[in-house]
Amino acid sequence: MELQFDKYADGLMPAIVQDAKTRNVLMLGFMNREAWEQTQTLQKVTFYSRSKQRLWTKGEESGNYLHFQGGAVDCDGDTLLIQATPAGPVCHTGADTCWNQANTSDNFLEELEGIIESRKSAHPDTSYVARMMAKGINKIAQKVGEEAVELVIEAKDDRADLFINEAADLLFHYLLLLNAKGFNLREVTEQLRQRHKTA
């Protein structure tokens, strides 16, 4: 669909910004053709500020950029949906969103992936994730194997609490291994979705 900037007298099209990961709506701004082009060039969401009467890259003063991940146009070609990764609070008030809502995911596994990513660069003395990453891929893979065996052993018994604990341990270390290999759960989910389509 071609973007219909000319549909509006001022050439400004509404641009809804959505967090690429959590899918939460972060803010609404306006883009003209130049702002849209600059967004793609800079890979930072850029609007046309009606108050400043100029192009305005979100975060240019605060450093809280919206890193551009992709965009889509609606069925009429006159509204943009921008997907971005925020580098900090989005609202000038310091809130996560311009609606004063927390930008959290309903999917805790995705949130946990973010925690793993943030902690792998911590000091190994203060972070289990960093300690495991420092040991290398072979040790992480071995740990996944150990946790899988422990889960199988618990599956043979009727102790639900121990089974759930071992399942959680396995899942955590599986996420750790995915991260160490440069992958994420969404890619695995997409692979399963593709298999489902062909099954």
N, C-alpha and C. Protein backbone atom coordinates (compact mmCIF):
# COMPACT_ATOMS: atom_id res chain seq x y z
N MET A 1 0.85 -1.19 0.00
CA MET A 1 0.00 0.00 0.00
C MET A 1 0.89 1.24 0.00
N GLU A 2 0.61 2.16 -0.89
CA GLU A 2 1.37 3.40 -0.97
C GLU A 2 0.91 4.36 0.11
N LEU A 3 1.87 5.06 0.71
CA LEU A 3 1.54 6.02 1.76
C LEU A 3 0.88 7.25 1.16
N GLN A 4 -0.25 7.63 1.73
CA GLN A 4 -1.05 8.74 1.19
C GLN A 4 -0.84 10.02 2.01
N PHE A 5 0.40 10.53 2.03
CA PHE A 5 0.65 11.77 2.77
C PHE A 5 -0.17 12.93 2.21
N ASP A 6 -0.42 12.91 0.92
CA ASP A 6 -1.14 14.02 0.28
C ASP A 6 -2.62 14.03 0.64
N LYS A 7 -3.06 13.01 1.33
CA LYS A 7 -4.47 12.94 1.72
C LYS A 7 -4.81 14.02 2.75
N TYR A 8 -3.79 14.47 3.49
CA TYR A 8 -3.98 15.48 4.52
C TYR A 8 -3.46 16.82 4.01
N ALA A 9 -4.16 17.90 4.34
CA ALA A 9 -3.79 19.23 3.86
C ALA A 9 -2.39 19.63 4.31
N ASP A 10 -2.02 19.23 5.55
CA ASP A 10 -0.69 19.59 6.05
C ASP A 10 0.36 18.53 5.74
N GLY A 11 -0.06 17.45 5.06
CA GLY A 11 0.88 16.39 4.71
C GLY A 11 1.34 15.56 5.88
N LEU A 12 0.68 15.69 7.02
CA LEU A 12 1.08 14.95 8.22
C LEU A 12 0.16 13.76 8.45
N MET A 13 0.77 12.61 8.58
CA MET A 13 0.04 11.37 8.77
C MET A 13 0.19 10.89 10.22
N PRO A 14 -0.88 10.44 10.86
CA PRO A 14 -0.74 9.87 12.21
C PRO A 14 0.19 8.66 12.18
N ALA A 15 1.05 8.58 13.19
CA ALA A 15 1.99 7.46 13.31
C ALA A 15 1.90 6.90 14.72
N ILE A 16 1.33 5.72 14.84
CA ILE A 16 1.20 5.04 16.12
C ILE A 16 2.47 4.24 16.36
N VAL A 17 3.10 4.43 17.51
CA VAL A 17 4.34 3.71 17.82
C VAL A 17 4.05 2.60 18.81
N GLN A 18 4.47 1.39 18.42
CA GLN A 18 4.24 0.18 19.21
C GLN A 18 5.58 -0.43 19.56
N ASP A 19 5.71 -0.91 20.79
CA ASP A 19 6.93 -1.61 21.17
C ASP A 19 7.04 -2.91 20.38
N ALA A 20 8.14 -3.09 19.70
CA ALA A 20 8.31 -4.25 18.82
C ALA A 20 8.26 -5.57 19.58
N LYS A 21 8.59 -5.53 20.86
CA LYS A 21 8.63 -6.77 21.63
C LYS A 21 7.35 -6.99 22.43
N THR A 22 6.94 -6.00 23.21
CA THR A 22 5.77 -6.18 24.07
C THR A 22 4.46 -5.97 23.33
N ARG A 23 4.52 -5.29 22.19
CA ARG A 23 3.34 -4.95 21.37
C ARG A 23 2.47 -3.88 22.02
N ASN A 24 2.94 -3.26 23.09
CA ASN A 24 2.19 -2.18 23.72
C ASN A 24 2.31 -0.91 22.89
N VAL A 25 1.23 -0.11 22.87
CA VAL A 25 1.26 1.18 22.19
C VAL A 25 1.99 2.17 23.10
N LEU A 26 3.01 2.83 22.53
CA LEU A 26 3.85 3.73 23.31
C LEU A 26 3.44 5.19 23.19
N MET A 27 3.14 5.62 21.97
CA MET A 27 2.80 7.02 21.74
C MET A 27 2.19 7.21 20.36
N LEU A 28 1.70 8.41 20.14
CA LEU A 28 1.19 8.79 18.82
C LEU A 28 1.91 10.07 18.41
N GLY A 29 2.38 10.10 17.19
CA GLY A 29 3.01 11.30 16.65
C GLY A 29 2.53 11.51 15.22
N PHE A 30 3.13 12.47 14.55
CA PHE A 30 2.77 12.74 13.16
C PHE A 30 4.02 12.76 12.30
N MET A 31 3.90 12.17 11.12
CA MET A 31 5.01 12.13 10.19
C MET A 31 4.59 12.71 8.85
N ASN A 32 5.51 13.46 8.25
CA ASN A 32 5.36 13.79 6.84
C ASN A 32 6.30 12.85 6.08
N ARG A 33 6.35 12.99 4.79
CA ARG A 33 7.17 12.07 3.99
C ARG A 33 8.64 12.13 4.40
N GLU A 34 9.12 13.35 4.70
CA GLU A 34 10.52 13.52 5.08
C GLU A 34 10.83 12.84 6.41
N ALA A 35 9.90 12.93 7.36
CA ALA A 35 10.09 12.28 8.66
C ALA A 35 10.13 10.76 8.51
N TRP A 36 9.27 10.24 7.66
CA TRP A 36 9.24 8.80 7.40
C TRP A 36 10.56 8.34 6.77
N GLU A 37 11.06 9.12 5.82
CA GLU A 37 12.32 8.77 5.16
C GLU A 37 13.49 8.84 6.14
N GLN A 38 13.48 9.88 7.00
CA GLN A 38 14.56 10.03 7.97
C GLN A 38 14.52 8.92 9.02
N THR A 39 13.32 8.49 9.39
CA THR A 39 13.17 7.38 10.32
C THR A 39 13.88 6.14 9.78
N GLN A 40 13.67 5.87 8.51
CA GLN A 40 14.30 4.69 7.90
C GLN A 40 15.81 4.86 7.73
N THR A 41 16.23 6.07 7.43
CA THR A 41 17.67 6.34 7.26
C THR A 41 18.42 6.26 8.58
N LEU A 42 17.90 6.96 9.60
CA LEU A 42 18.57 7.00 10.91
C LEU A 42 18.34 5.74 11.73
N GLN A 43 17.25 5.01 11.40
CA GLN A 43 16.80 3.87 12.21
C GLN A 43 16.39 4.33 13.61
N LYS A 44 15.97 5.60 13.69
CA LYS A 44 15.42 6.18 14.92
C LYS A 44 14.13 6.89 14.52
N VAL A 45 13.07 6.66 15.29
CA VAL A 45 11.77 7.21 14.92
C VAL A 45 11.82 8.74 14.96
N THR A 46 11.44 9.33 13.84
CA THR A 46 11.47 10.78 13.67
C THR A 46 10.09 11.27 13.26
N PHE A 47 9.63 12.30 13.92
CA PHE A 47 8.32 12.88 13.64
C PHE A 47 8.48 14.28 13.06
N TYR A 48 7.37 14.82 12.62
CA TYR A 48 7.32 16.25 12.35
C TYR A 48 6.61 16.87 13.54
N SER A 49 7.32 17.73 14.27
CA SER A 49 6.75 18.36 15.46
C SER A 49 5.92 19.57 15.04
N ARG A 50 4.65 19.52 15.37
CA ARG A 50 3.76 20.63 15.04
C ARG A 50 4.07 21.85 15.90
N SER A 51 4.55 21.64 17.11
CA SER A 51 4.87 22.78 17.97
C SER A 51 6.21 23.42 17.60
N LYS A 52 7.18 22.57 17.21
CA LYS A 52 8.50 23.09 16.85
C LYS A 52 8.60 23.45 15.36
N GLN A 53 7.62 22.97 14.61
CA GLN A 53 7.59 23.23 13.16
C GLN A 53 8.86 22.75 12.46
N ARG A 54 9.28 21.54 12.84
CA ARG A 54 10.47 20.94 12.23
C ARG A 54 10.48 19.44 12.47
N LEU A 55 11.40 18.75 11.80
CA LEU A 55 11.59 17.33 12.08
C LEU A 55 12.15 17.18 13.48
N TRP A 56 11.69 16.15 14.16
CA TRP A 56 12.08 15.93 15.55
C TRP A 56 12.30 14.44 15.77
N THR A 57 13.52 14.06 16.05
CA THR A 57 13.83 12.66 16.36
C THR A 57 13.56 12.43 17.84
N LYS A 58 12.65 11.51 18.12
CA LYS A 58 12.30 11.21 19.52
C LYS A 58 13.55 10.80 20.28
N GLY A 59 13.83 11.50 21.37
CA GLY A 59 15.01 11.20 22.17
C GLY A 59 16.21 12.06 21.87
N GLU A 60 16.06 13.01 20.95
CA GLU A 60 17.22 13.82 20.57
C GLU A 60 17.76 14.65 21.74
N GLU A 61 16.91 14.95 22.71
CA GLU A 61 17.37 15.68 23.90
C GLU A 61 17.57 14.75 25.10
N SER A 62 16.67 13.81 25.28
CA SER A 62 16.73 12.93 26.47
C SER A 62 17.64 11.72 26.28
N GLY A 63 17.87 11.34 25.02
CA GLY A 63 18.61 10.10 24.75
C GLY A 63 17.71 8.88 24.74
N ASN A 64 16.42 9.08 25.01
CA ASN A 64 15.46 7.97 25.03
C ASN A 64 14.92 7.75 23.60
N TYR A 65 15.79 7.30 22.73
CA TYR A 65 15.40 7.09 21.34
C TYR A 65 14.42 5.94 21.19
N LEU A 66 13.68 5.98 20.11
CA LEU A 66 12.86 4.85 19.69
C LEU A 66 13.57 4.24 18.49
N HIS A 67 14.21 3.10 18.70
CA HIS A 67 14.97 2.46 17.63
C HIS A 67 14.01 1.74 16.69
N PHE A 68 14.01 2.18 15.46
CA PHE A 68 13.07 1.72 14.44
C PHE A 68 13.30 0.25 14.10
N GLN A 69 12.23 -0.55 14.15
CA GLN A 69 12.29 -1.97 13.80
C GLN A 69 11.49 -2.29 12.55
N GLY A 70 10.51 -1.46 12.24
CA GLY A 70 9.68 -1.72 11.05
C GLY A 70 8.44 -0.87 11.08
N GLY A 71 7.73 -0.88 9.97
CA GLY A 71 6.51 -0.08 9.89
C GLY A 71 5.50 -0.73 8.96
N ALA A 72 4.25 -0.39 9.17
CA ALA A 72 3.17 -0.88 8.31
C ALA A 72 2.18 0.25 8.12
N VAL A 73 1.50 0.22 6.99
CA VAL A 73 0.49 1.23 6.69
C VAL A 73 -0.88 0.57 6.74
N ASP A 74 -1.88 1.32 7.15
CA ASP A 74 -3.22 0.73 7.27
C ASP A 74 -3.86 0.56 5.89
N CYS A 75 -5.08 0.01 5.89
CA CYS A 75 -5.76 -0.36 4.65
C CYS A 75 -6.08 0.83 3.76
N ASP A 76 -6.16 2.05 4.32
CA ASP A 76 -6.45 3.24 3.53
C ASP A 76 -5.18 4.00 3.13
N GLY A 77 -4.04 3.54 3.64
CA GLY A 77 -2.78 4.18 3.29
C GLY A 77 -2.56 5.51 3.98
N ASP A 78 -3.32 5.79 5.05
CA ASP A 78 -3.21 7.12 5.66
C ASP A 78 -2.86 7.11 7.15
N THR A 79 -2.44 5.97 7.68
CA THR A 79 -1.99 5.88 9.07
C THR A 79 -0.86 4.86 9.15
N LEU A 80 0.20 5.24 9.85
CA LEU A 80 1.36 4.36 10.01
C LEU A 80 1.33 3.66 11.37
N LEU A 81 1.77 2.42 11.37
CA LEU A 81 2.02 1.69 12.61
C LEU A 81 3.52 1.43 12.64
N ILE A 82 4.19 2.06 13.57
CA ILE A 82 5.64 1.96 13.68
C ILE A 82 5.99 1.00 14.81
N GLN A 83 6.88 0.07 14.53
CA GLN A 83 7.37 -0.81 15.58
C GLN A 83 8.79 -0.38 15.94
N ALA A 84 9.01 -0.21 17.23
CA ALA A 84 10.29 0.32 17.69
C ALA A 84 10.68 -0.30 19.03
N THR A 85 11.96 -0.17 19.34
CA THR A 85 12.48 -0.59 20.63
C THR A 85 12.87 0.66 21.40
N PRO A 86 12.20 0.95 22.52
CA PRO A 86 12.52 2.17 23.27
C PRO A 86 13.81 2.02 24.05
N ALA A 87 14.58 3.12 24.09
CA ALA A 87 15.84 3.13 24.84
C ALA A 87 15.64 3.67 26.25
N GLY A 88 14.41 3.91 26.62
CA GLY A 88 14.10 4.44 27.95
C GLY A 88 12.64 4.83 27.99
N PRO A 89 12.24 5.58 29.01
CA PRO A 89 10.85 6.03 29.08
C PRO A 89 10.48 6.80 27.81
N VAL A 90 9.25 6.63 27.35
CA VAL A 90 8.82 7.27 26.11
C VAL A 90 8.21 8.64 26.37
N CYS A 91 7.45 8.76 27.43
CA CYS A 91 6.75 10.02 27.70
C CYS A 91 7.67 11.05 28.36
N HIS A 92 7.43 12.32 28.08
CA HIS A 92 8.23 13.39 28.70
C HIS A 92 8.05 13.44 30.21
N THR A 93 6.99 12.78 30.73
CA THR A 93 6.76 12.73 32.17
C THR A 93 7.65 11.69 32.86
N GLY A 94 8.30 10.86 32.04
CA GLY A 94 9.12 9.77 32.58
C GLY A 94 8.40 8.44 32.61
N ALA A 95 7.15 8.42 32.14
CA ALA A 95 6.37 7.16 32.08
C ALA A 95 6.80 6.33 30.88
N ASP A 96 6.55 5.04 30.96
CA ASP A 96 6.89 4.13 29.87
C ASP A 96 6.16 4.48 28.58
N THR A 97 4.89 4.91 28.73
CA THR A 97 4.08 5.24 27.56
C THR A 97 3.41 6.59 27.80
N CYS A 98 2.88 7.16 26.74
CA CYS A 98 2.19 8.45 26.87
C CYS A 98 0.82 8.30 27.52
N TRP A 99 0.43 7.09 27.84
CA TRP A 99 -0.83 6.83 28.55
C TRP A 99 -0.55 6.42 30.00
N ASN A 100 0.69 6.63 30.42
CA ASN A 100 1.11 6.33 31.79
C ASN A 100 0.87 4.88 32.16
N GLN A 101 1.12 3.99 31.19
CA GLN A 101 1.00 2.55 31.44
C GLN A 101 2.38 1.92 31.43
N ALA A 102 2.54 0.91 32.25
CA ALA A 102 3.82 0.18 32.26
C ALA A 102 3.98 -0.58 30.96
N ASN A 103 5.15 -0.50 30.37
CA ASN A 103 5.43 -1.21 29.13
C ASN A 103 6.00 -2.58 29.45
N THR A 104 5.12 -3.44 29.94
CA THR A 104 5.54 -4.79 30.29
C THR A 104 4.82 -5.78 29.39
N SER A 105 5.40 -6.94 29.28
CA SER A 105 4.83 -7.97 28.43
C SER A 105 3.95 -8.90 29.25
N ASP A 106 2.86 -9.36 28.64
CA ASP A 106 2.05 -10.39 29.28
C ASP A 106 2.76 -11.73 29.21
N ASN A 107 3.78 -11.79 28.38
CA ASN A 107 4.54 -13.02 28.20
C ASN A 107 5.81 -12.93 29.05
N PHE A 108 5.82 -13.57 30.21
CA PHE A 108 6.96 -13.47 31.10
C PHE A 108 8.21 -14.09 30.49
N LEU A 109 8.06 -15.06 29.60
CA LEU A 109 9.25 -15.66 29.00
C LEU A 109 10.02 -14.64 28.17
N GLU A 110 9.30 -13.78 27.45
CA GLU A 110 9.98 -12.72 26.71
C GLU A 110 10.66 -11.74 27.66
N GLU A 111 9.99 -11.45 28.77
CA GLU A 111 10.58 -10.57 29.77
C GLU A 111 11.84 -11.21 30.35
N LEU A 112 11.78 -12.50 30.59
CA LEU A 112 12.93 -13.23 31.14
C LEU A 112 14.09 -13.21 30.15
N GLU A 113 13.78 -13.31 28.86
CA GLU A 113 14.84 -13.21 27.85
C GLU A 113 15.55 -11.86 27.95
N GLY A 114 14.78 -10.81 28.20
CA GLY A 114 15.37 -9.48 28.37
C GLY A 114 16.26 -9.41 29.60
N ILE A 115 15.83 -10.05 30.66
CA ILE A 115 16.63 -10.07 31.89
C ILE A 115 17.94 -10.82 31.65
N ILE A 116 17.87 -11.93 30.96
CA ILE A 116 19.08 -12.70 30.62
C ILE A 116 20.03 -11.84 29.79
N GLU A 117 19.49 -11.16 28.79
CA GLU A 117 20.31 -10.32 27.92
C GLU A 117 21.00 -9.22 28.72
N SER A 118 20.28 -8.62 29.65
CA SER A 118 20.86 -7.51 30.43
C SER A 118 21.89 -7.99 31.44
N ARG A 119 21.73 -9.21 31.93
CA ARG A 119 22.63 -9.68 32.99
C ARG A 119 23.87 -10.41 32.47
N LYS A 120 23.89 -10.76 31.21
CA LYS A 120 25.05 -11.52 30.73
C LYS A 120 26.33 -10.69 30.69
N SER A 121 26.18 -9.37 30.71
CA SER A 121 27.37 -8.50 30.71
C SER A 121 27.73 -8.03 32.11
N ALA A 122 27.01 -8.53 33.11
CA ALA A 122 27.31 -8.16 34.51
C ALA A 122 28.58 -8.88 34.96
N HIS A 123 29.04 -8.54 36.15
CA HIS A 123 30.24 -9.21 36.69
C HIS A 123 29.85 -10.63 37.12
N PRO A 124 30.64 -11.63 36.76
CA PRO A 124 30.32 -13.02 37.12
C PRO A 124 30.14 -13.26 38.62
N ASP A 125 30.76 -12.42 39.44
CA ASP A 125 30.62 -12.59 40.89
C ASP A 125 29.23 -12.20 41.39
N THR A 126 28.52 -11.40 40.60
CA THR A 126 27.22 -10.91 41.04
C THR A 126 26.05 -11.47 40.24
N SER A 127 26.33 -12.23 39.18
CA SER A 127 25.25 -12.71 38.32
C SER A 127 25.48 -14.15 37.88
N TYR A 128 24.51 -14.99 38.16
CA TYR A 128 24.57 -16.39 37.71
C TYR A 128 24.61 -16.46 36.19
N VAL A 129 23.83 -15.60 35.52
CA VAL A 129 23.80 -15.59 34.06
C VAL A 129 25.20 -15.27 33.52
N ALA A 130 25.82 -14.23 34.05
CA ALA A 130 27.16 -13.84 33.60
C ALA A 130 28.17 -14.94 33.88
N ARG A 131 28.02 -15.61 35.02
CA ARG A 131 28.92 -16.70 35.39
C ARG A 131 28.83 -17.85 34.40
N MET A 132 27.59 -18.20 34.02
CA MET A 132 27.39 -19.28 33.06
C MET A 132 27.91 -18.88 31.67
N MET A 133 27.64 -17.65 31.27
CA MET A 133 28.12 -17.18 29.97
C MET A 133 29.64 -17.22 29.90
N ALA A 134 30.29 -16.88 31.02
CA ALA A 134 31.76 -16.87 31.06
C ALA A 134 32.33 -18.28 30.91
N LYS A 135 31.56 -19.29 31.29
CA LYS A 135 32.03 -20.67 31.18
C LYS A 135 31.97 -21.21 29.76
N GLY A 136 31.18 -20.55 28.91
CA GLY A 136 31.15 -20.94 27.50
C GLY A 136 29.98 -21.84 27.13
N ILE A 137 29.82 -22.00 25.83
CA ILE A 137 28.67 -22.69 25.27
C ILE A 137 28.60 -24.16 25.68
N ASN A 138 29.74 -24.82 25.77
CA ASN A 138 29.74 -26.24 26.13
C ASN A 138 29.19 -26.47 27.53
N LYS A 139 29.57 -25.59 28.47
CA LYS A 139 29.10 -25.73 29.85
C LYS A 139 27.60 -25.44 29.93
N ILE A 140 27.15 -24.44 29.16
CA ILE A 140 25.72 -24.11 29.16
C ILE A 140 24.91 -25.27 28.59
N ALA A 141 25.39 -25.84 27.47
CA ALA A 141 24.70 -26.96 26.85
C ALA A 141 24.68 -28.17 27.79
N GLN A 142 25.79 -28.40 28.49
CA GLN A 142 25.86 -29.50 29.45
C GLN A 142 24.83 -29.30 30.57
N LYS A 143 24.69 -28.05 31.01
CA LYS A 143 23.74 -27.76 32.09
C LYS A 143 22.30 -28.02 31.63
N VAL A 144 22.00 -27.69 30.36
CA VAL A 144 20.67 -27.99 29.82
C VAL A 144 20.42 -29.49 29.85
N GLY A 145 21.43 -30.28 29.48
CA GLY A 145 21.31 -31.73 29.52
C GLY A 145 21.07 -32.25 30.93
N GLU A 146 21.80 -31.70 31.89
CA GLU A 146 21.63 -32.12 33.28
C GLU A 146 20.22 -31.81 33.78
N GLU A 147 19.73 -30.60 33.45
CA GLU A 147 18.39 -30.21 33.89
C GLU A 147 17.33 -31.07 33.23
N ALA A 148 17.55 -31.46 31.97
CA ALA A 148 16.60 -32.33 31.27
C ALA A 148 16.51 -33.69 31.94
N VAL A 149 17.65 -34.24 32.33
CA VAL A 149 17.68 -35.53 33.01
C VAL A 149 16.95 -35.43 34.35
N GLU A 150 17.20 -34.35 35.09
CA GLU A 150 16.53 -34.18 36.39
C GLU A 150 15.01 -34.07 36.22
N LEU A 151 14.58 -33.43 35.14
CA LEU A 151 13.14 -33.31 34.89
C LEU A 151 12.55 -34.69 34.57
N VAL A 152 13.25 -35.48 33.77
CA VAL A 152 12.78 -36.83 33.43
C VAL A 152 12.65 -37.67 34.70
N ILE A 153 13.62 -37.57 35.60
CA ILE A 153 13.59 -38.33 36.85
C ILE A 153 12.37 -37.94 37.68
N GLU A 154 12.13 -36.61 37.78
CA GLU A 154 10.99 -36.14 38.57
C GLU A 154 9.65 -36.51 37.92
N ALA A 155 9.65 -36.66 36.59
CA ALA A 155 8.41 -37.01 35.89
C ALA A 155 7.91 -38.40 36.28
N LYS A 156 8.82 -39.24 36.76
CA LYS A 156 8.44 -40.61 37.12
C LYS A 156 7.76 -40.68 38.49
N ASP A 157 7.89 -39.61 39.26
CA ASP A 157 7.29 -39.57 40.59
C ASP A 157 6.02 -38.72 40.57
N ASP A 158 5.35 -38.65 41.71
CA ASP A 158 4.11 -37.88 41.82
C ASP A 158 4.29 -36.62 42.67
N ARG A 159 5.51 -36.06 42.67
CA ARG A 159 5.76 -34.85 43.45
C ARG A 159 5.67 -33.65 42.52
N ALA A 160 4.48 -33.07 42.47
CA ALA A 160 4.21 -31.99 41.51
C ALA A 160 5.12 -30.79 41.72
N ASP A 161 5.38 -30.41 42.98
CA ASP A 161 6.21 -29.24 43.23
C ASP A 161 7.63 -29.42 42.72
N LEU A 162 8.20 -30.61 42.92
CA LEU A 162 9.56 -30.88 42.44
C LEU A 162 9.60 -30.94 40.91
N PHE A 163 8.55 -31.51 40.33
CA PHE A 163 8.48 -31.58 38.86
C PHE A 163 8.44 -30.17 38.25
N ILE A 164 7.60 -29.30 38.83
CA ILE A 164 7.49 -27.93 38.31
C ILE A 164 8.80 -27.17 38.50
N ASN A 165 9.47 -27.38 39.63
CA ASN A 165 10.76 -26.72 39.86
C ASN A 165 11.79 -27.15 38.83
N GLU A 166 11.85 -28.44 38.54
CA GLU A 166 12.81 -28.93 37.54
C GLU A 166 12.44 -28.45 36.14
N ALA A 167 11.14 -28.36 35.86
CA ALA A 167 10.70 -27.85 34.55
C ALA A 167 11.13 -26.39 34.39
N ALA A 168 11.01 -25.61 35.47
CA ALA A 168 11.42 -24.21 35.43
C ALA A 168 12.94 -24.09 35.24
N ASP A 169 13.69 -24.95 35.93
CA ASP A 169 15.15 -24.94 35.77
C ASP A 169 15.55 -25.23 34.33
N LEU A 170 14.90 -26.24 33.74
CA LEU A 170 15.22 -26.60 32.36
C LEU A 170 14.88 -25.47 31.41
N LEU A 171 13.72 -24.87 31.59
CA LEU A 171 13.30 -23.79 30.70
C LEU A 171 14.23 -22.59 30.81
N PHE A 172 14.63 -22.26 32.03
CA PHE A 172 15.56 -21.13 32.21
C PHE A 172 16.88 -21.38 31.49
N HIS A 173 17.43 -22.57 31.68
CA HIS A 173 18.73 -22.86 31.07
C HIS A 173 18.61 -23.02 29.55
N TYR A 174 17.45 -23.44 29.08
CA TYR A 174 17.20 -23.49 27.64
C TYR A 174 17.23 -22.07 27.06
N LEU A 175 16.60 -21.11 27.75
CA LEU A 175 16.63 -19.72 27.31
C LEU A 175 18.05 -19.17 27.34
N LEU A 176 18.80 -19.57 28.32
CA LEU A 176 20.21 -19.17 28.43
C LEU A 176 21.01 -19.69 27.24
N LEU A 177 20.76 -20.94 26.88
CA LEU A 177 21.45 -21.53 25.73
C LEU A 177 21.05 -20.84 24.43
N LEU A 178 19.76 -20.56 24.27
CA LEU A 178 19.31 -19.83 23.07
C LEU A 178 20.04 -18.50 22.95
N ASN A 179 20.11 -17.76 24.04
CA ASN A 179 20.78 -16.46 24.03
C ASN A 179 22.26 -16.61 23.69
N ALA A 180 22.90 -17.59 24.28
CA ALA A 180 24.32 -17.80 24.02
C ALA A 180 24.59 -18.14 22.56
N LYS A 181 23.62 -18.77 21.91
CA LYS A 181 23.77 -19.12 20.49
C LYS A 181 23.30 -17.99 19.57
N GLY A 182 22.77 -16.91 20.16
CA GLY A 182 22.33 -15.77 19.36
C GLY A 182 20.91 -15.88 18.84
N PHE A 183 20.10 -16.71 19.48
CA PHE A 183 18.71 -16.88 19.07
C PHE A 183 17.78 -16.46 20.19
N ASN A 184 16.48 -16.44 19.89
CA ASN A 184 15.50 -16.14 20.92
C ASN A 184 14.26 -17.02 20.75
N LEU A 185 13.40 -16.97 21.74
CA LEU A 185 12.22 -17.84 21.77
C LEU A 185 11.27 -17.55 20.62
N ARG A 186 11.22 -16.29 20.19
CA ARG A 186 10.33 -15.93 19.08
C ARG A 186 10.73 -16.66 17.80
N GLU A 187 12.04 -16.82 17.58
CA GLU A 187 12.49 -17.54 16.39
C GLU A 187 12.12 -19.02 16.46
N VAL A 188 12.21 -19.59 17.65
CA VAL A 188 11.81 -20.99 17.83
C VAL A 188 10.31 -21.12 17.61
N THR A 189 9.55 -20.17 18.15
CA THR A 189 8.10 -20.19 17.98
C THR A 189 7.72 -20.09 16.50
N GLU A 190 8.44 -19.24 15.77
CA GLU A 190 8.16 -19.09 14.34
C GLU A 190 8.46 -20.39 13.59
N GLN A 191 9.52 -21.07 14.00
CA GLN A 191 9.84 -22.37 13.38
C GLN A 191 8.71 -23.37 13.62
N LEU A 192 8.19 -23.39 14.83
CA LEU A 192 7.06 -24.28 15.15
C LEU A 192 5.83 -23.88 14.35
N ARG A 193 5.61 -22.58 14.19
CA ARG A 193 4.46 -22.10 13.42
C ARG A 193 4.57 -22.55 11.95
N GLN A 194 5.77 -22.46 11.40
CA GLN A 194 5.98 -22.89 10.01
C GLN A 194 5.74 -24.38 9.87
N ARG A 195 6.19 -25.15 10.85
CA ARG A 195 5.96 -26.59 10.81
C ARG A 195 4.47 -26.90 10.88
N HIS A 196 3.75 -26.15 11.69
CA HIS A 196 2.30 -26.35 11.83
C HIS A 196 1.58 -26.09 10.50
N LYS A 197 2.05 -25.07 9.77
CA LYS A 197 1.42 -24.72 8.50
C LYS A 197 1.59 -25.82 7.46
N THR A 198 2.72 -26.54 7.55
CA THR A 198 3.01 -27.56 6.56
C THR A 198 2.57 -28.95 7.00
N ALA A 199 2.14 -29.05 8.25
CA ALA A 199 1.76 -30.37 8.79
C ALA A 199 0.39 -30.79 8.26
